[in-house]
Amino acid sequence: MPPAGVRPAATTAVNWFDQRASGDLMTRVIEDVNNVERLLIDGTEQGAVALLSITGALAFMLSYSPSLTLVALAPMPLLVAGALWYTTTATGVTSAARGGERHERAVDG
């Protein structure tokens, strides 16, 4: 079974590749590999630091004043709901914007 990244390239029409320079395709692949590498190296480190920071802050808050901690965490469900709403709506907006960018590039040259 081919890797997941190969499947979209394998199912793309041949004329799509014919219309693009090989250097452009290689640049896209190299940038994707660099982005994944950056995610694996920096993302895991930053995620671990963030998780430990939140855990430490919550432990300190609970040891200092459990009731005040509950008051401080009361708006958390609203914040999580807002973040989820933004994430789901922003994905559609950015996809539409990217599609327009590609269309402009194809028309311009």
N, C-alpha and C. Protein backbone atom coordinates (compact mmCIF):
# COMPACT_ATOMS: atom_id res chain seq x y z
N MET A 1 0.86 -1.17 0.00
CA MET A 1 0.00 0.00 0.00
C MET A 1 0.90 1.24 0.00
N PRO A 2 0.69 2.17 -0.92
CA PRO A 2 1.54 3.36 -0.99
C PRO A 2 1.26 4.30 0.18
N PRO A 3 2.25 5.13 0.54
CA PRO A 3 2.02 6.11 1.61
C PRO A 3 0.88 7.05 1.26
N ALA A 4 0.28 7.66 2.29
CA ALA A 4 -0.89 8.51 2.09
C ALA A 4 -0.59 9.69 1.18
N GLY A 5 0.62 10.25 1.22
CA GLY A 5 0.96 11.39 0.39
C GLY A 5 1.09 11.06 -1.08
N VAL A 6 1.27 9.78 -1.41
CA VAL A 6 1.45 9.37 -2.79
C VAL A 6 0.10 9.23 -3.49
N ARG A 7 -0.92 8.86 -2.75
CA ARG A 7 -2.23 8.59 -3.34
C ARG A 7 -2.79 9.81 -4.10
N PRO A 8 -2.79 11.03 -3.52
CA PRO A 8 -3.32 12.17 -4.30
C PRO A 8 -2.51 12.43 -5.57
N ALA A 9 -1.21 12.27 -5.52
CA ALA A 9 -0.38 12.49 -6.71
C ALA A 9 -0.66 11.43 -7.76
N ALA A 10 -0.91 10.21 -7.31
CA ALA A 10 -1.14 9.11 -8.25
C ALA A 10 -2.50 9.23 -8.93
N THR A 11 -3.46 9.88 -8.29
CA THR A 11 -4.79 9.99 -8.87
C THR A 11 -5.01 11.30 -9.62
N THR A 12 -4.00 12.17 -9.63
CA THR A 12 -4.11 13.45 -10.35
C THR A 12 -3.94 13.21 -11.84
N ALA A 13 -4.70 13.95 -12.61
CA ALA A 13 -4.63 13.79 -14.06
C ALA A 13 -3.24 14.17 -14.57
N VAL A 14 -2.80 13.48 -15.61
CA VAL A 14 -1.47 13.69 -16.17
C VAL A 14 -1.31 15.10 -16.72
N ASN A 15 -2.36 15.66 -17.32
CA ASN A 15 -2.23 17.00 -17.89
C ASN A 15 -1.97 18.06 -16.83
N TRP A 16 -2.34 17.82 -15.57
CA TRP A 16 -2.02 18.75 -14.49
C TRP A 16 -0.51 18.83 -14.32
N PHE A 17 0.18 17.69 -14.40
CA PHE A 17 1.64 17.68 -14.29
C PHE A 17 2.30 18.29 -15.53
N ASP A 18 1.68 18.08 -16.69
CA ASP A 18 2.23 18.63 -17.93
C ASP A 18 2.20 20.15 -17.95
N GLN A 19 1.24 20.73 -17.25
CA GLN A 19 1.09 22.19 -17.26
C GLN A 19 1.99 22.89 -16.25
N ARG A 20 2.73 22.14 -15.44
CA ARG A 20 3.57 22.75 -14.42
C ARG A 20 5.03 22.37 -14.64
N ALA A 21 5.90 23.29 -14.26
CA ALA A 21 7.34 23.03 -14.39
C ALA A 21 7.76 22.01 -13.32
N SER A 22 8.70 21.16 -13.67
CA SER A 22 9.15 20.14 -12.71
C SER A 22 9.79 20.79 -11.50
N GLY A 23 10.42 21.93 -11.68
CA GLY A 23 11.03 22.65 -10.55
C GLY A 23 9.97 23.11 -9.55
N ASP A 24 8.82 23.53 -10.07
CA ASP A 24 7.73 23.95 -9.20
C ASP A 24 7.22 22.78 -8.36
N LEU A 25 7.07 21.63 -9.01
CA LEU A 25 6.61 20.44 -8.29
C LEU A 25 7.62 20.01 -7.23
N MET A 26 8.89 20.03 -7.58
CA MET A 26 9.93 19.64 -6.62
C MET A 26 9.98 20.62 -5.45
N THR A 27 9.80 21.90 -5.72
CA THR A 27 9.79 22.89 -4.65
C THR A 27 8.66 22.62 -3.69
N ARG A 28 7.49 22.29 -4.20
CA ARG A 28 6.35 21.99 -3.34
C ARG A 28 6.62 20.76 -2.47
N VAL A 29 7.19 19.73 -3.05
CA VAL A 29 7.48 18.51 -2.29
C VAL A 29 8.51 18.79 -1.21
N ILE A 30 9.57 19.51 -1.57
CA ILE A 30 10.63 19.81 -0.60
C ILE A 30 10.08 20.66 0.54
N GLU A 31 9.24 21.66 0.22
CA GLU A 31 8.67 22.50 1.26
C GLU A 31 7.77 21.68 2.18
N ASP A 32 7.02 20.74 1.61
CA ASP A 32 6.17 19.90 2.44
C ASP A 32 7.00 19.05 3.39
N VAL A 33 8.08 18.49 2.89
CA VAL A 33 8.95 17.67 3.73
C VAL A 33 9.55 18.52 4.86
N ASN A 34 9.97 19.74 4.51
CA ASN A 34 10.52 20.63 5.53
C ASN A 34 9.48 21.00 6.57
N ASN A 35 8.25 21.23 6.14
CA ASN A 35 7.19 21.56 7.09
C ASN A 35 6.88 20.40 8.03
N VAL A 36 6.87 19.19 7.52
CA VAL A 36 6.63 18.03 8.37
C VAL A 36 7.78 17.84 9.35
N GLU A 37 9.01 18.03 8.88
CA GLU A 37 10.17 17.92 9.76
C GLU A 37 10.09 18.96 10.88
N ARG A 38 9.73 20.20 10.53
CA ARG A 38 9.61 21.26 11.52
C ARG A 38 8.53 20.93 12.54
N LEU A 39 7.42 20.36 12.07
CA LEU A 39 6.34 19.97 12.97
C LEU A 39 6.81 18.90 13.94
N LEU A 40 7.50 17.89 13.44
CA LEU A 40 7.93 16.80 14.30
C LEU A 40 8.97 17.25 15.32
N ILE A 41 9.87 18.13 14.92
CA ILE A 41 10.92 18.56 15.83
C ILE A 41 10.41 19.64 16.79
N ASP A 42 9.91 20.73 16.22
CA ASP A 42 9.50 21.86 17.06
C ASP A 42 8.14 21.63 17.71
N GLY A 43 7.23 21.00 16.99
CA GLY A 43 5.88 20.81 17.50
C GLY A 43 5.83 19.93 18.73
N THR A 44 6.59 18.85 18.74
CA THR A 44 6.58 17.98 19.91
C THR A 44 7.19 18.68 21.12
N GLU A 45 8.26 19.43 20.89
CA GLU A 45 8.89 20.15 22.00
C GLU A 45 7.95 21.22 22.56
N GLN A 46 7.37 22.01 21.68
CA GLN A 46 6.47 23.07 22.14
C GLN A 46 5.21 22.50 22.78
N GLY A 47 4.72 21.39 22.25
CA GLY A 47 3.56 20.74 22.85
C GLY A 47 3.84 20.23 24.25
N ALA A 48 5.01 19.62 24.43
CA ALA A 48 5.38 19.12 25.76
C ALA A 48 5.54 20.27 26.75
N VAL A 49 6.17 21.35 26.33
CA VAL A 49 6.35 22.51 27.22
C VAL A 49 4.99 23.10 27.59
N ALA A 50 4.10 23.24 26.61
CA ALA A 50 2.77 23.79 26.89
C ALA A 50 1.99 22.91 27.85
N LEU A 51 2.04 21.60 27.64
CA LEU A 51 1.33 20.67 28.51
C LEU A 51 1.86 20.72 29.94
N LEU A 52 3.18 20.72 30.08
CA LEU A 52 3.77 20.81 31.42
C LEU A 52 3.46 22.15 32.08
N SER A 53 3.45 23.23 31.33
CA SER A 53 3.14 24.55 31.89
C SER A 53 1.71 24.60 32.40
N ILE A 54 0.77 24.10 31.61
CA ILE A 54 -0.63 24.10 32.03
C ILE A 54 -0.83 23.22 33.26
N THR A 55 -0.21 22.06 33.25
CA THR A 55 -0.33 21.15 34.39
C THR A 55 0.25 21.78 35.65
N GLY A 56 1.41 22.40 35.54
CA GLY A 56 2.02 23.06 36.69
C GLY A 56 1.20 24.21 37.21
N ALA A 57 0.66 25.03 36.30
CA ALA A 57 -0.17 26.16 36.71
C ALA A 57 -1.44 25.68 37.41
N LEU A 58 -2.07 24.66 36.86
CA LEU A 58 -3.28 24.12 37.50
C LEU A 58 -2.97 23.53 38.87
N ALA A 59 -1.86 22.83 39.00
CA ALA A 59 -1.48 22.26 40.29
C ALA A 59 -1.25 23.37 41.31
N PHE A 60 -0.56 24.44 40.89
CA PHE A 60 -0.32 25.56 41.80
C PHE A 60 -1.63 26.23 42.19
N MET A 61 -2.50 26.46 41.21
CA MET A 61 -3.78 27.11 41.50
C MET A 61 -4.63 26.27 42.45
N LEU A 62 -4.66 24.96 42.23
CA LEU A 62 -5.45 24.09 43.10
C LEU A 62 -4.88 24.06 44.51
N SER A 63 -3.57 24.07 44.65
CA SER A 63 -2.97 24.05 45.99
C SER A 63 -3.17 25.39 46.71
N TYR A 64 -3.24 26.49 45.96
CA TYR A 64 -3.39 27.81 46.56
C TYR A 64 -4.84 28.07 46.97
N SER A 65 -5.78 27.83 46.05
CA SER A 65 -7.19 28.07 46.35
C SER A 65 -8.06 27.28 45.37
N PRO A 66 -8.57 26.12 45.81
CA PRO A 66 -9.41 25.31 44.91
C PRO A 66 -10.67 26.05 44.44
N SER A 67 -11.30 26.81 45.30
CA SER A 67 -12.53 27.50 44.90
C SER A 67 -12.24 28.60 43.87
N LEU A 68 -11.15 29.32 44.05
CA LEU A 68 -10.77 30.35 43.08
C LEU A 68 -10.37 29.72 41.74
N THR A 69 -9.79 28.52 41.81
CA THR A 69 -9.44 27.81 40.58
C THR A 69 -10.68 27.47 39.78
N LEU A 70 -11.73 27.02 40.47
CA LEU A 70 -12.98 26.70 39.77
C LEU A 70 -13.60 27.94 39.15
N VAL A 71 -13.53 29.07 39.85
CA VAL A 71 -14.06 30.33 39.30
C VAL A 71 -13.26 30.73 38.06
N ALA A 72 -11.93 30.58 38.13
CA ALA A 72 -11.08 30.96 37.01
C ALA A 72 -11.30 30.04 35.81
N LEU A 73 -11.64 28.78 36.05
CA LEU A 73 -11.84 27.83 34.96
C LEU A 73 -13.28 27.79 34.46
N ALA A 74 -14.19 28.57 35.07
CA ALA A 74 -15.61 28.55 34.67
C ALA A 74 -15.81 28.92 33.20
N PRO A 75 -15.11 29.93 32.66
CA PRO A 75 -15.36 30.26 31.24
C PRO A 75 -14.67 29.31 30.25
N MET A 76 -13.95 28.32 30.73
CA MET A 76 -13.20 27.43 29.84
C MET A 76 -14.08 26.72 28.81
N PRO A 77 -15.28 26.22 29.17
CA PRO A 77 -16.12 25.59 28.13
C PRO A 77 -16.48 26.55 26.99
N LEU A 78 -16.73 27.82 27.32
CA LEU A 78 -17.02 28.80 26.27
C LEU A 78 -15.80 29.04 25.39
N LEU A 79 -14.63 29.11 25.99
CA LEU A 79 -13.41 29.30 25.21
C LEU A 79 -13.15 28.12 24.28
N VAL A 80 -13.36 26.91 24.77
CA VAL A 80 -13.16 25.72 23.94
C VAL A 80 -14.19 25.69 22.80
N ALA A 81 -15.44 26.02 23.11
CA ALA A 81 -16.47 26.04 22.07
C ALA A 81 -16.15 27.09 21.02
N GLY A 82 -15.69 28.26 21.44
CA GLY A 82 -15.31 29.30 20.49
C GLY A 82 -14.14 28.89 19.62
N ALA A 83 -13.16 28.22 20.21
CA ALA A 83 -12.00 27.76 19.45
C ALA A 83 -12.43 26.70 18.43
N LEU A 84 -13.30 25.79 18.82
CA LEU A 84 -13.79 24.77 17.89
C LEU A 84 -14.60 25.41 16.75
N TRP A 85 -15.44 26.37 17.08
CA TRP A 85 -16.23 27.05 16.05
C TRP A 85 -15.31 27.76 15.07
N TYR A 86 -14.32 28.49 15.59
CA TYR A 86 -13.40 29.22 14.72
C TYR A 86 -12.62 28.26 13.83
N THR A 87 -12.18 27.14 14.40
CA THR A 87 -11.39 26.18 13.63
C THR A 87 -12.21 25.60 12.48
N THR A 88 -13.44 25.27 12.74
CA THR A 88 -14.27 24.68 11.69
C THR A 88 -14.65 25.69 10.62
N THR A 89 -14.91 26.94 11.00
CA THR A 89 -15.28 27.93 10.00
C THR A 89 -14.06 28.47 9.26
N ALA A 90 -12.93 28.58 9.92
CA ALA A 90 -11.73 29.12 9.28
C ALA A 90 -11.22 28.17 8.20
N THR A 91 -11.40 26.89 8.37
CA THR A 91 -10.94 25.92 7.38
C THR A 91 -11.64 26.14 6.05
N GLY A 92 -12.93 26.36 6.07
CA GLY A 92 -13.67 26.60 4.82
C GLY A 92 -13.28 27.91 4.17
N VAL A 93 -13.06 28.94 4.98
CA VAL A 93 -12.71 30.25 4.44
C VAL A 93 -11.33 30.22 3.81
N THR A 94 -10.36 29.61 4.48
CA THR A 94 -9.01 29.56 3.92
C THR A 94 -8.97 28.67 2.68
N SER A 95 -9.75 27.61 2.65
CA SER A 95 -9.79 26.77 1.46
C SER A 95 -10.35 27.55 0.28
N ALA A 96 -11.38 28.33 0.51
CA ALA A 96 -11.96 29.14 -0.56
C ALA A 96 -10.96 30.19 -1.04
N ALA A 97 -10.24 30.78 -0.11
CA ALA A 97 -9.25 31.79 -0.47
C ALA A 97 -8.10 31.17 -1.27
N ARG A 98 -7.66 30.00 -0.86
CA ARG A 98 -6.60 29.33 -1.60
C ARG A 98 -7.05 28.95 -3.00
N GLY A 99 -8.29 28.52 -3.14
CA GLY A 99 -8.81 28.18 -4.45
C GLY A 99 -8.83 29.40 -5.36
N GLY A 100 -9.18 30.55 -4.82
CA GLY A 100 -9.16 31.78 -5.60
C GLY A 100 -7.76 32.16 -6.01
N GLU A 101 -6.79 31.95 -5.11
CA GLU A 101 -5.40 32.25 -5.43
C GLU A 101 -4.92 31.39 -6.58
N ARG A 102 -5.23 30.12 -6.54
CA ARG A 102 -4.80 29.21 -7.61
C ARG A 102 -5.43 29.62 -8.93
N HIS A 103 -6.71 30.02 -8.88
CA HIS A 103 -7.39 30.42 -10.10
C HIS A 103 -6.73 31.67 -10.69
N GLU A 104 -6.36 32.63 -9.82
CA GLU A 104 -5.72 33.85 -10.29
C GLU A 104 -4.37 33.53 -10.93
N ARG A 105 -3.61 32.63 -10.32
CA ARG A 105 -2.31 32.25 -10.89
C ARG A 105 -2.47 31.59 -12.24
N ALA A 106 -3.50 30.75 -12.38
CA ALA A 106 -3.70 30.06 -13.65
C ALA A 106 -4.12 31.04 -14.74
N VAL A 107 -4.92 32.03 -14.38
CA VAL A 107 -5.38 33.00 -15.37
C VAL A 107 -4.24 33.94 -15.76
N ASP A 108 -3.45 34.40 -14.75
CA ASP A 108 -2.37 35.35 -15.01
C ASP A 108 -1.21 34.77 -15.78
N GLY A 109 -0.92 33.54 -15.58
CA GLY A 109 0.22 33.06 -16.33
C GLY A 109 0.55 31.70 -16.03
